[in-house]
mmCIF file of all heavy atoms, coordinates in Angstrom:
data_MODEL
# 
_entry.id   MODEL 
# 
loop_
_atom_site.group_PDB 
_atom_site.id 
_atom_site.type_symbol 
_atom_site.label_atom_id 
_atom_site.label_alt_id 
_atom_site.label_comp_id 
_atom_site.label_asym_id 
_atom_site.label_entity_id 
_atom_site.label_seq_id 
_atom_site.pdbx_PDB_ins_code 
_atom_site.Cartn_x 
_atom_site.Cartn_y 
_atom_site.Cartn_z 
_atom_site.occupancy 
_atom_site.B_iso_or_equiv 
_atom_site.pdbx_formal_charge 
_atom_site.auth_seq_id 
_atom_site.auth_comp_id 
_atom_site.auth_asym_id 
_atom_site.auth_atom_id 
_atom_site.pdbx_PDB_model_num 
ATOM 1   N N   . CYS A 1 1  ? 94.153  121.280 106.734 1.00 0.00 ? 1  CYS A N   1 
ATOM 2   C CA  . CYS A 1 1  ? 95.427  120.772 107.220 1.00 0.00 ? 1  CYS A CA  1 
ATOM 3   C C   . CYS A 1 1  ? 96.528  121.305 106.322 1.00 0.00 ? 1  CYS A C   1 
ATOM 4   O O   . CYS A 1 1  ? 96.450  121.187 105.093 1.00 0.00 ? 1  CYS A O   1 
ATOM 5   C CB  . CYS A 1 1  ? 95.440  119.243 107.214 1.00 0.00 ? 1  CYS A CB  1 
ATOM 6   S SG  . CYS A 1 1  ? 97.037  118.503 107.631 1.00 0.00 ? 1  CYS A SG  1 
ATOM 7   N N   . THR A 1 2  ? 97.549  121.859 106.941 1.00 0.00 ? 2  THR A N   1 
ATOM 8   C CA  . THR A 1 2  ? 98.681  122.404 106.212 1.00 0.00 ? 2  THR A CA  1 
ATOM 9   C C   . THR A 1 2  ? 99.957  121.682 106.624 1.00 0.00 ? 2  THR A C   1 
ATOM 10  O O   . THR A 1 2  ? 100.241 121.535 107.811 1.00 0.00 ? 2  THR A O   1 
ATOM 11  C CB  . THR A 1 2  ? 98.826  123.905 106.468 1.00 0.00 ? 2  THR A CB  1 
ATOM 12  O OG1 . THR A 1 2  ? 97.660  124.581 105.999 1.00 0.00 ? 2  THR A OG1 1 
ATOM 13  C CG2 . THR A 1 2  ? 100.034 124.463 105.731 1.00 0.00 ? 2  THR A CG2 1 
ATOM 14  N N   . ALA A 1 3  ? 100.715 121.252 105.634 1.00 0.00 ? 3  ALA A N   1 
ATOM 15  C CA  . ALA A 1 3  ? 101.981 120.573 105.867 1.00 0.00 ? 3  ALA A CA  1 
ATOM 16  C C   . ALA A 1 3  ? 103.140 121.554 105.728 1.00 0.00 ? 3  ALA A C   1 
ATOM 17  O O   . ALA A 1 3  ? 103.129 122.437 104.862 1.00 0.00 ? 3  ALA A O   1 
ATOM 18  C CB  . ALA A 1 3  ? 102.155 119.427 104.884 1.00 0.00 ? 3  ALA A CB  1 
ATOM 19  N N   . SER A 1 4  ? 104.131 121.374 106.563 1.00 0.00 ? 4  SER A N   1 
ATOM 20  C CA  . SER A 1 4  ? 105.314 122.226 106.492 1.00 0.00 ? 4  SER A CA  1 
ATOM 21  C C   . SER A 1 4  ? 106.507 121.470 107.050 1.00 0.00 ? 4  SER A C   1 
ATOM 22  O O   . SER A 1 4  ? 106.364 120.428 107.684 1.00 0.00 ? 4  SER A O   1 
ATOM 23  C CB  . SER A 1 4  ? 105.108 123.536 107.271 1.00 0.00 ? 4  SER A CB  1 
ATOM 24  O OG  . SER A 1 4  ? 104.902 123.278 108.648 1.00 0.00 ? 4  SER A OG  1 
ATOM 25  N N   . GLY A 1 5  ? 107.693 122.006 106.807 1.00 0.00 ? 5  GLY A N   1 
ATOM 26  C CA  . GLY A 1 5  ? 108.900 121.415 107.337 1.00 0.00 ? 5  GLY A CA  1 
ATOM 27  C C   . GLY A 1 5  ? 109.743 120.752 106.273 1.00 0.00 ? 5  GLY A C   1 
ATOM 28  O O   . GLY A 1 5  ? 109.943 121.292 105.190 1.00 0.00 ? 5  GLY A O   1 
ATOM 29  N N   . ASN A 1 6  ? 110.225 119.571 106.589 1.00 0.00 ? 6  ASN A N   1 
ATOM 30  C CA  . ASN A 1 6  ? 111.172 118.843 105.746 1.00 0.00 ? 6  ASN A CA  1 
ATOM 31  C C   . ASN A 1 6  ? 110.452 118.174 104.581 1.00 0.00 ? 6  ASN A C   1 
ATOM 32  O O   . ASN A 1 6  ? 110.312 116.948 104.534 1.00 0.00 ? 6  ASN A O   1 
ATOM 33  C CB  . ASN A 1 6  ? 111.928 117.816 106.587 1.00 0.00 ? 6  ASN A CB  1 
ATOM 34  C CG  . ASN A 1 6  ? 113.007 117.098 105.809 1.00 0.00 ? 6  ASN A CG  1 
ATOM 35  O OD1 . ASN A 1 6  ? 113.498 117.593 104.802 1.00 0.00 ? 6  ASN A OD1 1 
ATOM 36  N ND2 . ASN A 1 6  ? 113.371 115.910 106.274 1.00 0.00 ? 6  ASN A ND2 1 
ATOM 37  N N   . ILE A 1 7  ? 110.017 118.982 103.642 1.00 0.00 ? 7  ILE A N   1 
ATOM 38  C CA  . ILE A 1 7  ? 109.226 118.498 102.518 1.00 0.00 ? 7  ILE A CA  1 
ATOM 39  C C   . ILE A 1 7  ? 109.817 118.978 101.211 1.00 0.00 ? 7  ILE A C   1 
ATOM 40  O O   . ILE A 1 7  ? 110.016 120.171 101.009 1.00 0.00 ? 7  ILE A O   1 
ATOM 41  C CB  . ILE A 1 7  ? 107.766 118.972 102.613 1.00 0.00 ? 7  ILE A CB  1 
ATOM 42  C CG1 . ILE A 1 7  ? 107.115 118.492 103.905 1.00 0.00 ? 7  ILE A CG1 1 
ATOM 43  C CG2 . ILE A 1 7  ? 106.978 118.483 101.401 1.00 0.00 ? 7  ILE A CG2 1 
ATOM 44  C CD1 . ILE A 1 7  ? 105.761 119.099 104.164 1.00 0.00 ? 7  ILE A CD1 1 
ATOM 45  N N   . PHE A 1 8  ? 110.072 118.038 100.338 1.00 0.00 ? 8  PHE A N   1 
ATOM 46  C CA  . PHE A 1 8  ? 110.422 118.369 98.967  1.00 0.00 ? 8  PHE A CA  1 
ATOM 47  C C   . PHE A 1 8  ? 109.178 118.383 98.084  1.00 0.00 ? 8  PHE A C   1 
ATOM 48  O O   . PHE A 1 8  ? 109.007 119.284 97.266  1.00 0.00 ? 8  PHE A O   1 
ATOM 49  C CB  . PHE A 1 8  ? 111.452 117.387 98.405  1.00 0.00 ? 8  PHE A CB  1 
ATOM 50  C CG  . PHE A 1 8  ? 111.800 117.635 96.965  1.00 0.00 ? 8  PHE A CG  1 
ATOM 51  C CD1 . PHE A 1 8  ? 112.660 118.660 96.615  1.00 0.00 ? 8  PHE A CD1 1 
ATOM 52  C CD2 . PHE A 1 8  ? 111.262 116.853 95.957  1.00 0.00 ? 8  PHE A CD2 1 
ATOM 53  C CE1 . PHE A 1 8  ? 112.988 118.900 95.297  1.00 0.00 ? 8  PHE A CE1 1 
ATOM 54  C CE2 . PHE A 1 8  ? 111.578 117.076 94.626  1.00 0.00 ? 8  PHE A CE2 1 
ATOM 55  C CZ  . PHE A 1 8  ? 112.447 118.108 94.302  1.00 0.00 ? 8  PHE A CZ  1 
ATOM 56  N N   . ASN A 1 9  ? 108.342 117.388 98.289  1.00 0.00 ? 9  ASN A N   1 
ATOM 57  C CA  . ASN A 1 9  ? 107.142 117.278 97.501  1.00 0.00 ? 9  ASN A CA  1 
ATOM 58  C C   . ASN A 1 9  ? 106.085 116.515 98.291  1.00 0.00 ? 9  ASN A C   1 
ATOM 59  O O   . ASN A 1 9  ? 106.406 115.573 99.017  1.00 0.00 ? 9  ASN A O   1 
ATOM 60  C CB  . ASN A 1 9  ? 107.419 116.554 96.181  1.00 0.00 ? 9  ASN A CB  1 
ATOM 61  C CG  . ASN A 1 9  ? 106.215 116.496 95.274  1.00 0.00 ? 9  ASN A CG  1 
ATOM 62  O OD1 . ASN A 1 9  ? 105.640 117.531 94.945  1.00 0.00 ? 9  ASN A OD1 1 
ATOM 63  N ND2 . ASN A 1 9  ? 105.830 115.294 94.861  1.00 0.00 ? 9  ASN A ND2 1 
ATOM 64  N N   . VAL A 1 10 ? 104.860 116.948 98.148  1.00 0.00 ? 10 VAL A N   1 
ATOM 65  C CA  . VAL A 1 10 ? 103.735 116.240 98.743  1.00 0.00 ? 10 VAL A CA  1 
ATOM 66  C C   . VAL A 1 10 ? 103.136 115.329 97.682  1.00 0.00 ? 10 VAL A C   1 
ATOM 67  O O   . VAL A 1 10 ? 102.654 115.808 96.651  1.00 0.00 ? 10 VAL A O   1 
ATOM 68  C CB  . VAL A 1 10 ? 102.681 117.200 99.291  1.00 0.00 ? 10 VAL A CB  1 
ATOM 69  C CG1 . VAL A 1 10 ? 101.482 116.420 99.819  1.00 0.00 ? 10 VAL A CG1 1 
ATOM 70  C CG2 . VAL A 1 10 ? 103.271 118.074 100.382 1.00 0.00 ? 10 VAL A CG2 1 
ATOM 71  N N   . ILE A 1 11 ? 103.165 114.042 97.936  1.00 0.00 ? 11 ILE A N   1 
ATOM 72  C CA  . ILE A 1 11 ? 102.644 113.077 96.984  1.00 0.00 ? 11 ILE A CA  1 
ATOM 73  C C   . ILE A 1 11 ? 101.136 112.943 97.120  1.00 0.00 ? 11 ILE A C   1 
ATOM 74  O O   . ILE A 1 11 ? 100.407 112.909 96.126  1.00 0.00 ? 11 ILE A O   1 
ATOM 75  C CB  . ILE A 1 11 ? 103.331 111.714 97.166  1.00 0.00 ? 11 ILE A CB  1 
ATOM 76  C CG1 . ILE A 1 11 ? 104.840 111.862 96.931  1.00 0.00 ? 11 ILE A CG1 1 
ATOM 77  C CG2 . ILE A 1 11 ? 102.734 110.670 96.233  1.00 0.00 ? 11 ILE A CG2 1 
ATOM 78  C CD1 . ILE A 1 11 ? 105.638 110.644 97.340  1.00 0.00 ? 11 ILE A CD1 1 
ATOM 79  N N   . ALA A 1 12 ? 100.681 112.868 98.346  1.00 0.00 ? 12 ALA A N   1 
ATOM 80  C CA  . ALA A 1 12 ? 99.256  112.738 98.590  1.00 0.00 ? 12 ALA A CA  1 
ATOM 81  C C   . ALA A 1 12 ? 98.945  113.239 99.986  1.00 0.00 ? 12 ALA A C   1 
ATOM 82  O O   . ALA A 1 12 ? 99.796  113.212 100.876 1.00 0.00 ? 12 ALA A O   1 
ATOM 83  C CB  . ALA A 1 12 ? 98.795  111.288 98.433  1.00 0.00 ? 12 ALA A CB  1 
ATOM 84  N N   . MET A 1 13 ? 97.728  113.687 100.157 1.00 0.00 ? 13 MET A N   1 
ATOM 85  C CA  . MET A 1 13 ? 97.251  114.072 101.468 1.00 0.00 ? 13 MET A CA  1 
ATOM 86  C C   . MET A 1 13 ? 95.856  113.503 101.654 1.00 0.00 ? 13 MET A C   1 
ATOM 87  O O   . MET A 1 13 ? 95.150  113.234 100.679 1.00 0.00 ? 13 MET A O   1 
ATOM 88  C CB  . MET A 1 13 ? 97.228  115.591 101.646 1.00 0.00 ? 13 MET A CB  1 
ATOM 89  C CG  . MET A 1 13 ? 98.590  116.245 101.537 1.00 0.00 ? 13 MET A CG  1 
ATOM 90  S SD  . MET A 1 13 ? 98.571  118.028 101.911 1.00 0.00 ? 13 MET A SD  1 
ATOM 91  C CE  . MET A 1 13 ? 98.416  117.977 103.712 1.00 0.00 ? 13 MET A CE  1 
ATOM 92  N N   . GLY A 1 14 ? 95.481  113.335 102.888 1.00 0.00 ? 14 GLY A N   1 
ATOM 93  C CA  . GLY A 1 14 ? 94.167  112.792 103.135 1.00 0.00 ? 14 GLY A CA  1 
ATOM 94  C C   . GLY A 1 14 ? 93.734  112.945 104.575 1.00 0.00 ? 14 GLY A C   1 
ATOM 95  O O   . GLY A 1 14 ? 94.429  113.540 105.406 1.00 0.00 ? 14 GLY A O   1 
ATOM 96  N N   . TRP A 1 15 ? 92.561  112.407 104.815 1.00 0.00 ? 15 TRP A N   1 
ATOM 97  C CA  . TRP A 1 15 ? 91.964  112.453 106.140 1.00 0.00 ? 15 TRP A CA  1 
ATOM 98  C C   . TRP A 1 15 ? 91.554  111.062 106.581 1.00 0.00 ? 15 TRP A C   1 
ATOM 99  O O   . TRP A 1 15 ? 91.016  110.272 105.793 1.00 0.00 ? 15 TRP A O   1 
ATOM 100 C CB  . TRP A 1 15 ? 90.725  113.357 106.151 1.00 0.00 ? 15 TRP A CB  1 
ATOM 101 C CG  . TRP A 1 15 ? 91.038  114.807 105.962 1.00 0.00 ? 15 TRP A CG  1 
ATOM 102 C CD1 . TRP A 1 15 ? 91.053  115.505 104.802 1.00 0.00 ? 15 TRP A CD1 1 
ATOM 103 C CD2 . TRP A 1 15 ? 91.382  115.732 106.996 1.00 0.00 ? 15 TRP A CD2 1 
ATOM 104 N NE1 . TRP A 1 15 ? 91.392  116.811 105.027 1.00 0.00 ? 15 TRP A NE1 1 
ATOM 105 C CE2 . TRP A 1 15 ? 91.595  116.978 106.378 1.00 0.00 ? 15 TRP A CE2 1 
ATOM 106 C CE3 . TRP A 1 15 ? 91.530  115.628 108.378 1.00 0.00 ? 15 TRP A CE3 1 
ATOM 107 C CZ2 . TRP A 1 15 ? 91.953  118.120 107.097 1.00 0.00 ? 15 TRP A CZ2 1 
ATOM 108 C CZ3 . TRP A 1 15 ? 91.892  116.763 109.091 1.00 0.00 ? 15 TRP A CZ3 1 
ATOM 109 C CH2 . TRP A 1 15 ? 92.088  117.985 108.449 1.00 0.00 ? 15 TRP A CH2 1 
ATOM 110 N N   . TYR A 1 16 ? 91.819  110.779 107.845 1.00 0.00 ? 16 TYR A N   1 
ATOM 111 C CA  . TYR A 1 16 ? 91.357  109.588 108.508 1.00 0.00 ? 16 TYR A CA  1 
ATOM 112 C C   . TYR A 1 16 ? 90.632  110.007 109.777 1.00 0.00 ? 16 TYR A C   1 
ATOM 113 O O   . TYR A 1 16 ? 90.764  111.148 110.226 1.00 0.00 ? 16 TYR A O   1 
ATOM 114 C CB  . TYR A 1 16 ? 92.523  108.655 108.844 1.00 0.00 ? 16 TYR A CB  1 
ATOM 115 C CG  . TYR A 1 16 ? 93.181  108.051 107.617 1.00 0.00 ? 16 TYR A CG  1 
ATOM 116 C CD1 . TYR A 1 16 ? 93.990  108.812 106.789 1.00 0.00 ? 16 TYR A CD1 1 
ATOM 117 C CD2 . TYR A 1 16 ? 92.998  106.705 107.304 1.00 0.00 ? 16 TYR A CD2 1 
ATOM 118 C CE1 . TYR A 1 16 ? 94.590  108.271 105.665 1.00 0.00 ? 16 TYR A CE1 1 
ATOM 119 C CE2 . TYR A 1 16 ? 93.597  106.147 106.193 1.00 0.00 ? 16 TYR A CE2 1 
ATOM 120 C CZ  . TYR A 1 16 ? 94.392  106.928 105.380 1.00 0.00 ? 16 TYR A CZ  1 
ATOM 121 O OH  . TYR A 1 16 ? 94.988  106.379 104.274 1.00 0.00 ? 16 TYR A OH  1 
ATOM 122 N N   . ARG A 1 17 ? 89.899  109.085 110.348 1.00 0.00 ? 17 ARG A N   1 
ATOM 123 C CA  . ARG A 1 17 ? 89.226  109.408 111.589 1.00 0.00 ? 17 ARG A CA  1 
ATOM 124 C C   . ARG A 1 17 ? 89.196  108.191 112.500 1.00 0.00 ? 17 ARG A C   1 
ATOM 125 O O   . ARG A 1 17 ? 89.295  107.052 112.046 1.00 0.00 ? 17 ARG A O   1 
ATOM 126 C CB  . ARG A 1 17 ? 87.801  109.914 111.339 1.00 0.00 ? 17 ARG A CB  1 
ATOM 127 C CG  . ARG A 1 17 ? 86.818  108.850 110.864 1.00 0.00 ? 17 ARG A CG  1 
ATOM 128 C CD  . ARG A 1 17 ? 85.480  109.461 110.549 1.00 0.00 ? 17 ARG A CD  1 
ATOM 129 N NE  . ARG A 1 17 ? 84.480  108.449 110.235 1.00 0.00 ? 17 ARG A NE  1 
ATOM 130 C CZ  . ARG A 1 17 ? 83.252  108.711 109.809 1.00 0.00 ? 17 ARG A CZ  1 
ATOM 131 N NH1 . ARG A 1 17 ? 82.864  109.985 109.653 1.00 0.00 ? 17 ARG A NH1 1 
ATOM 132 N NH2 . ARG A 1 17 ? 82.402  107.724 109.545 1.00 0.00 ? 17 ARG A NH2 1 
ATOM 133 N N   . GLN A 1 18 ? 89.054  108.454 113.772 1.00 0.00 ? 18 GLN A N   1 
ATOM 134 C CA  . GLN A 1 18 ? 88.981  107.401 114.773 1.00 0.00 ? 18 GLN A CA  1 
ATOM 135 C C   . GLN A 1 18 ? 87.823  107.694 115.713 1.00 0.00 ? 18 GLN A C   1 
ATOM 136 O O   . GLN A 1 18 ? 87.940  108.535 116.609 1.00 0.00 ? 18 GLN A O   1 
ATOM 137 C CB  . GLN A 1 18 ? 90.286  107.285 115.548 1.00 0.00 ? 18 GLN A CB  1 
ATOM 138 C CG  . GLN A 1 18 ? 90.340  106.093 116.475 1.00 0.00 ? 18 GLN A CG  1 
ATOM 139 C CD  . GLN A 1 18 ? 91.750  105.788 116.951 1.00 0.00 ? 18 GLN A CD  1 
ATOM 140 O OE1 . GLN A 1 18 ? 92.655  106.597 116.798 1.00 0.00 ? 18 GLN A OE1 1 
ATOM 141 N NE2 . GLN A 1 18 ? 91.938  104.619 117.528 1.00 0.00 ? 18 GLN A NE2 1 
ATOM 142 N N   . PRO A 1 19 ? 86.702  107.011 115.521 1.00 0.00 ? 19 PRO A N   1 
ATOM 143 C CA  . PRO A 1 19 ? 85.569  107.177 116.439 1.00 0.00 ? 19 PRO A CA  1 
ATOM 144 C C   . PRO A 1 19 ? 85.903  106.615 117.805 1.00 0.00 ? 19 PRO A C   1 
ATOM 145 O O   . PRO A 1 19 ? 86.805  105.773 117.942 1.00 0.00 ? 19 PRO A O   1 
ATOM 146 C CB  . PRO A 1 19 ? 84.446  106.379 115.760 1.00 0.00 ? 19 PRO A CB  1 
ATOM 147 C CG  . PRO A 1 19 ? 84.879  106.199 114.346 1.00 0.00 ? 19 PRO A CG  1 
ATOM 148 C CD  . PRO A 1 19 ? 86.378  106.119 114.411 1.00 0.00 ? 19 PRO A CD  1 
ATOM 149 N N   . PRO A 1 20 ? 85.183  107.021 118.827 1.00 0.00 ? 20 PRO A N   1 
ATOM 150 C CA  . PRO A 1 20 ? 85.435  106.498 120.167 1.00 0.00 ? 20 PRO A CA  1 
ATOM 151 C C   . PRO A 1 20 ? 85.323  104.979 120.212 1.00 0.00 ? 20 PRO A C   1 
ATOM 152 O O   . PRO A 1 20 ? 84.341  104.410 119.738 1.00 0.00 ? 20 PRO A O   1 
ATOM 153 C CB  . PRO A 1 20 ? 84.353  107.153 121.022 1.00 0.00 ? 20 PRO A CB  1 
ATOM 154 C CG  . PRO A 1 20 ? 83.982  108.395 120.270 1.00 0.00 ? 20 PRO A CG  1 
ATOM 155 C CD  . PRO A 1 20 ? 84.111  108.029 118.823 1.00 0.00 ? 20 PRO A CD  1 
ATOM 156 N N   . GLY A 1 21 ? 86.337  104.339 120.749 1.00 0.00 ? 21 GLY A N   1 
ATOM 157 C CA  . GLY A 1 21 ? 86.329  102.898 120.894 1.00 0.00 ? 21 GLY A CA  1 
ATOM 158 C C   . GLY A 1 21 ? 86.539  102.108 119.626 1.00 0.00 ? 21 GLY A C   1 
ATOM 159 O O   . GLY A 1 21 ? 86.410  100.878 119.650 1.00 0.00 ? 21 GLY A O   1 
ATOM 160 N N   . LYS A 1 22 ? 86.852  102.766 118.526 1.00 0.00 ? 22 LYS A N   1 
ATOM 161 C CA  . LYS A 1 22 ? 87.027  102.082 117.257 1.00 0.00 ? 22 LYS A CA  1 
ATOM 162 C C   . LYS A 1 22 ? 88.409  102.366 116.668 1.00 0.00 ? 22 LYS A C   1 
ATOM 163 O O   . LYS A 1 22 ? 89.145  103.236 117.135 1.00 0.00 ? 22 LYS A O   1 
ATOM 164 C CB  . LYS A 1 22 ? 85.951  102.504 116.264 1.00 0.00 ? 22 LYS A CB  1 
ATOM 165 C CG  . LYS A 1 22 ? 84.531  102.166 116.704 1.00 0.00 ? 22 LYS A CG  1 
ATOM 166 C CD  . LYS A 1 22 ? 83.515  102.578 115.657 1.00 0.00 ? 22 LYS A CD  1 
ATOM 167 C CE  . LYS A 1 22 ? 82.106  102.222 116.081 1.00 0.00 ? 22 LYS A CE  1 
ATOM 168 N NZ  . LYS A 1 22 ? 81.114  102.631 115.053 1.00 0.00 ? 22 LYS A NZ  1 
ATOM 169 N N   . GLN A 1 23 ? 88.734  101.621 115.629 1.00 0.00 ? 23 GLN A N   1 
ATOM 170 C CA  . GLN A 1 23 ? 90.015  101.797 114.962 1.00 0.00 ? 23 GLN A CA  1 
ATOM 171 C C   . GLN A 1 23 ? 89.965  102.958 113.987 1.00 0.00 ? 23 GLN A C   1 
ATOM 172 O O   . GLN A 1 23 ? 88.894  103.376 113.528 1.00 0.00 ? 23 GLN A O   1 
ATOM 173 C CB  . GLN A 1 23 ? 90.406  100.512 114.231 1.00 0.00 ? 23 GLN A CB  1 
ATOM 174 C CG  . GLN A 1 23 ? 90.722  99.346  115.141 1.00 0.00 ? 23 GLN A CG  1 
ATOM 175 C CD  . GLN A 1 23 ? 91.167  98.133  114.363 1.00 0.00 ? 23 GLN A CD  1 
ATOM 176 O OE1 . GLN A 1 23 ? 90.482  97.682  113.449 1.00 0.00 ? 23 GLN A OE1 1 
ATOM 177 N NE2 . GLN A 1 23 ? 92.325  97.604  114.717 1.00 0.00 ? 23 GLN A NE2 1 
ATOM 178 N N   . ARG A 1 24 ? 91.126  103.464 113.665 1.00 0.00 ? 24 ARG A N   1 
ATOM 179 C CA  . ARG A 1 24 ? 91.222  104.534 112.683 1.00 0.00 ? 24 ARG A CA  1 
ATOM 180 C C   . ARG A 1 24 ? 90.788  104.033 111.308 1.00 0.00 ? 24 ARG A C   1 
ATOM 181 O O   . ARG A 1 24 ? 91.137  102.912 110.905 1.00 0.00 ? 24 ARG A O   1 
ATOM 182 C CB  . ARG A 1 24 ? 92.659  105.064 112.634 1.00 0.00 ? 24 ARG A CB  1 
ATOM 183 C CG  . ARG A 1 24 ? 92.825  106.338 111.828 1.00 0.00 ? 24 ARG A CG  1 
ATOM 184 C CD  . ARG A 1 24 ? 94.236  106.903 111.969 1.00 0.00 ? 24 ARG A CD  1 
ATOM 185 N NE  . ARG A 1 24 ? 94.547  107.244 113.356 1.00 0.00 ? 24 ARG A NE  1 
ATOM 186 C CZ  . ARG A 1 24 ? 95.666  107.829 113.742 1.00 0.00 ? 24 ARG A CZ  1 
ATOM 187 N NH1 . ARG A 1 24 ? 96.593  108.153 112.838 1.00 0.00 ? 24 ARG A NH1 1 
ATOM 188 N NH2 . ARG A 1 24 ? 95.871  108.095 115.024 1.00 0.00 ? 24 ARG A NH2 1 
ATOM 189 N N   . GLU A 1 25 ? 90.054  104.859 110.594 1.00 0.00 ? 25 GLU A N   1 
ATOM 190 C CA  . GLU A 1 25 ? 89.529  104.478 109.302 1.00 0.00 ? 25 GLU A CA  1 
ATOM 191 C C   . GLU A 1 25 ? 89.735  105.592 108.284 1.00 0.00 ? 25 GLU A C   1 
ATOM 192 O O   . GLU A 1 25 ? 89.848  106.769 108.625 1.00 0.00 ? 25 GLU A O   1 
ATOM 193 C CB  . GLU A 1 25 ? 88.037  104.140 109.406 1.00 0.00 ? 25 GLU A CB  1 
ATOM 194 C CG  . GLU A 1 25 ? 87.174  105.322 109.825 1.00 0.00 ? 25 GLU A CG  1 
ATOM 195 C CD  . GLU A 1 25 ? 85.718  104.952 109.986 1.00 0.00 ? 25 GLU A CD  1 
ATOM 196 O OE1 . GLU A 1 25 ? 85.367  103.777 109.792 1.00 0.00 ? 25 GLU A OE1 1 
ATOM 197 O OE2 . GLU A 1 25 ? 84.918  105.851 110.322 1.00 0.00 ? 25 GLU A OE2 1 
ATOM 198 N N   . LEU A 1 26 ? 89.742  105.194 107.031 1.00 0.00 ? 26 LEU A N   1 
ATOM 199 C CA  . LEU A 1 26 ? 89.892  106.147 105.945 1.00 0.00 ? 26 LEU A CA  1 
ATOM 200 C C   . LEU A 1 26 ? 88.656  107.028 105.827 1.00 0.00 ? 26 LEU A C   1 
ATOM 201 O O   . LEU A 1 26 ? 87.529  106.553 105.921 1.00 0.00 ? 26 LEU A O   1 
ATOM 202 C CB  . LEU A 1 26 ? 90.101  105.400 104.628 1.00 0.00 ? 26 LEU A CB  1 
ATOM 203 C CG  . LEU A 1 26 ? 90.032  106.239 103.350 1.00 0.00 ? 26 LEU A CG  1 
ATOM 204 C CD1 . LEU A 1 26 ? 91.271  107.108 103.219 1.00 0.00 ? 26 LEU A CD1 1 
ATOM 205 C CD2 . LEU A 1 26 ? 89.883  105.337 102.127 1.00 0.00 ? 26 LEU A CD2 1 
# 
């Protein structure tokens, strides 16, 4: 994953996922 645009600094990046029928999770 690459971030671009209106960014001065990236503090943190990460990944989440959402299985079918479930809530998004870390």
